[in-house]
Amino acid sequence: MLSVVKGQPNAEELAALTAVVLSLGAPAPANAGTPSVRHWVRRQQLRLAPSPGPGAWKRSGQ
């Protein structure tokens, strides 16, 4: 629960404060764009060729 100790906030200010406080308790969203460690370990186990792209020449010597 929130209580205003000093000042006279309007409805918009209270709504903004409530949104910020509620967002602090929310879990961070998972980043689905980056591959997990399991993805790279699986590629190594299957002995798959390195993916093309920046740094591929470094990975080709493994």
C-alpha atoms as a PDB file:
ATOM      1  CA  MET A   1       0.000   0.000   0.000  1.00  0.00           C
ATOM      2  CA  LEU A   2       1.204   3.511  -0.779  1.00  0.00           C
ATOM      3  CA  SER A   3       0.577   6.592   1.300  1.00  0.00           C
ATOM      4  CA  VAL A   4       1.380  10.187   0.393  1.00  0.00           C
ATOM      5  CA  VAL A   5       3.223  11.844   3.258  1.00  0.00           C
ATOM      6  CA  LYS A   6       3.819  15.251   1.709  1.00  0.00           C
ATOM      7  CA  GLY A   7       2.335  17.088  -1.261  1.00  0.00           C
ATOM      8  CA  GLN A   8      -0.834  16.758  -3.299  1.00  0.00           C
ATOM      9  CA  PRO A   9      -0.177  14.367  -6.214  1.00  0.00           C
ATOM     10  CA  ASN A  10      -2.759  14.265  -8.978  1.00  0.00           C
ATOM     11  CA  ALA A  11      -4.220  11.077 -10.466  1.00  0.00           C
ATOM     12  CA  GLU A  12      -1.579  10.868 -13.231  1.00  0.00           C
ATOM     13  CA  GLU A  13       1.301  11.151 -10.758  1.00  0.00           C
ATOM     14  CA  LEU A  14      -0.185   8.462  -8.527  1.00  0.00           C
ATOM     15  CA  ALA A  15      -0.703   6.206 -11.545  1.00  0.00           C
ATOM     16  CA  ALA A  16       2.925   6.709 -12.626  1.00  0.00           C
ATOM     17  CA  LEU A  17       4.206   5.968  -9.125  1.00  0.00           C
ATOM     18  CA  THR A  18       2.050   2.857  -8.878  1.00  0.00           C
ATOM     19  CA  ALA A  19       3.297   1.603 -12.258  1.00  0.00           C
ATOM     20  CA  VAL A  20       6.939   2.055 -11.237  1.00  0.00           C
ATOM     21  CA  VAL A  21       6.485   0.329  -7.879  1.00  0.00           C
ATOM     22  CA  LEU A  22       4.626  -2.596  -9.458  1.00  0.00           C
ATOM     23  CA  SER A  23       7.285  -2.999 -12.159  1.00  0.00           C
ATOM     24  CA  LEU A  24       9.991  -3.405  -9.513  1.00  0.00           C
ATOM     25  CA  GLY A  25       8.362  -6.613  -8.296  1.00  0.00           C
ATOM     26  CA  ALA A  26       7.918  -8.132 -11.755  1.00  0.00           C
ATOM     27  CA  PRO A  27      10.449 -10.734 -12.950  1.00  0.00           C
ATOM     28  CA  ALA A  28      12.755  -9.690 -15.761  1.00  0.00           C
ATOM     29  CA  PRO A  29      11.647 -10.945 -19.188  1.00  0.00           C
ATOM     30  CA  ALA A  30      13.712 -13.781 -20.628  1.00  0.00           C
ATOM     31  CA  ASN A  31      15.766 -12.873 -23.670  1.00  0.00           C
ATOM     32  CA  ALA A  32      14.716 -15.375 -26.335  1.00  0.00           C
ATOM     33  CA  GLY A  33      17.044 -13.886 -28.962  1.00  0.00           C
ATOM     34  CA  THR A  34      20.298 -15.271 -27.574  1.00  0.00           C
ATOM     35  CA  PRO A  35      21.060 -18.986 -27.733  1.00  0.00           C
ATOM     36  CA  SER A  36      21.504 -20.761 -24.439  1.00  0.00           C
ATOM     37  CA  VAL A  37      24.674 -22.492 -23.295  1.00  0.00           C
ATOM     38  CA  ARG A  38      22.946 -25.792 -23.961  1.00  0.00           C
ATOM     39  CA  HIS A  39      22.719 -24.869 -27.669  1.00  0.00           C
ATOM     40  CA  TRP A  40      26.501 -24.482 -27.943  1.00  0.00           C
ATOM     41  CA  VAL A  41      27.249 -27.601 -25.899  1.00  0.00           C
ATOM     42  CA  ARG A  42      24.930 -29.600 -28.162  1.00  0.00           C
ATOM     43  CA  ARG A  43      26.744 -28.309 -31.270  1.00  0.00           C
ATOM     44  CA  GLN A  44      30.045 -29.468 -29.755  1.00  0.00           C
ATOM     45  CA  GLN A  45      28.696 -32.909 -28.850  1.00  0.00           C
ATOM     46  CA  LEU A  46      27.403 -33.440 -32.380  1.00  0.00           C
ATOM     47  CA  ARG A  47      30.676 -32.081 -33.813  1.00  0.00           C
ATOM     48  CA  LEU A  48      28.794 -29.667 -36.043  1.00  0.00           C
ATOM     49  CA  ALA A  49      30.734 -27.197 -38.146  1.00  0.00           C
ATOM     50  CA  PRO A  50      30.976 -23.661 -36.803  1.00  0.00           C
ATOM     51  CA  SER A  51      28.241 -21.261 -37.822  1.00  0.00           C
ATOM     52  CA  PRO A  52      29.177 -18.695 -40.466  1.00  0.00           C
ATOM     53  CA  GLY A  53      29.515 -15.111 -39.325  1.00  0.00           C
ATOM     54  CA  PRO A  54      31.886 -12.826 -37.469  1.00  0.00           C
ATOM     55  CA  GLY A  55      34.640 -14.822 -35.782  1.00  0.00           C
ATOM     56  CA  ALA A  56      33.886 -18.058 -37.673  1.00  0.00           C
ATOM     57  CA  TRP A  57      37.539 -18.419 -38.639  1.00  0.00           C
ATOM     58  CA  LYS A  58      38.472 -18.481 -34.923  1.00  0.00           C
ATOM     59  CA  ARG A  59      35.968 -21.243 -34.203  1.00  0.00           C
ATOM     60  CA  SER A  60      37.094 -23.334 -37.196  1.00  0.00           C
ATOM     61  CA  GLY A  61      40.304 -24.410 -35.449  1.00  0.00           C
ATOM     62  CA  GLN A  62      38.545 -26.294 -32.666  1.00  0.00           C
END
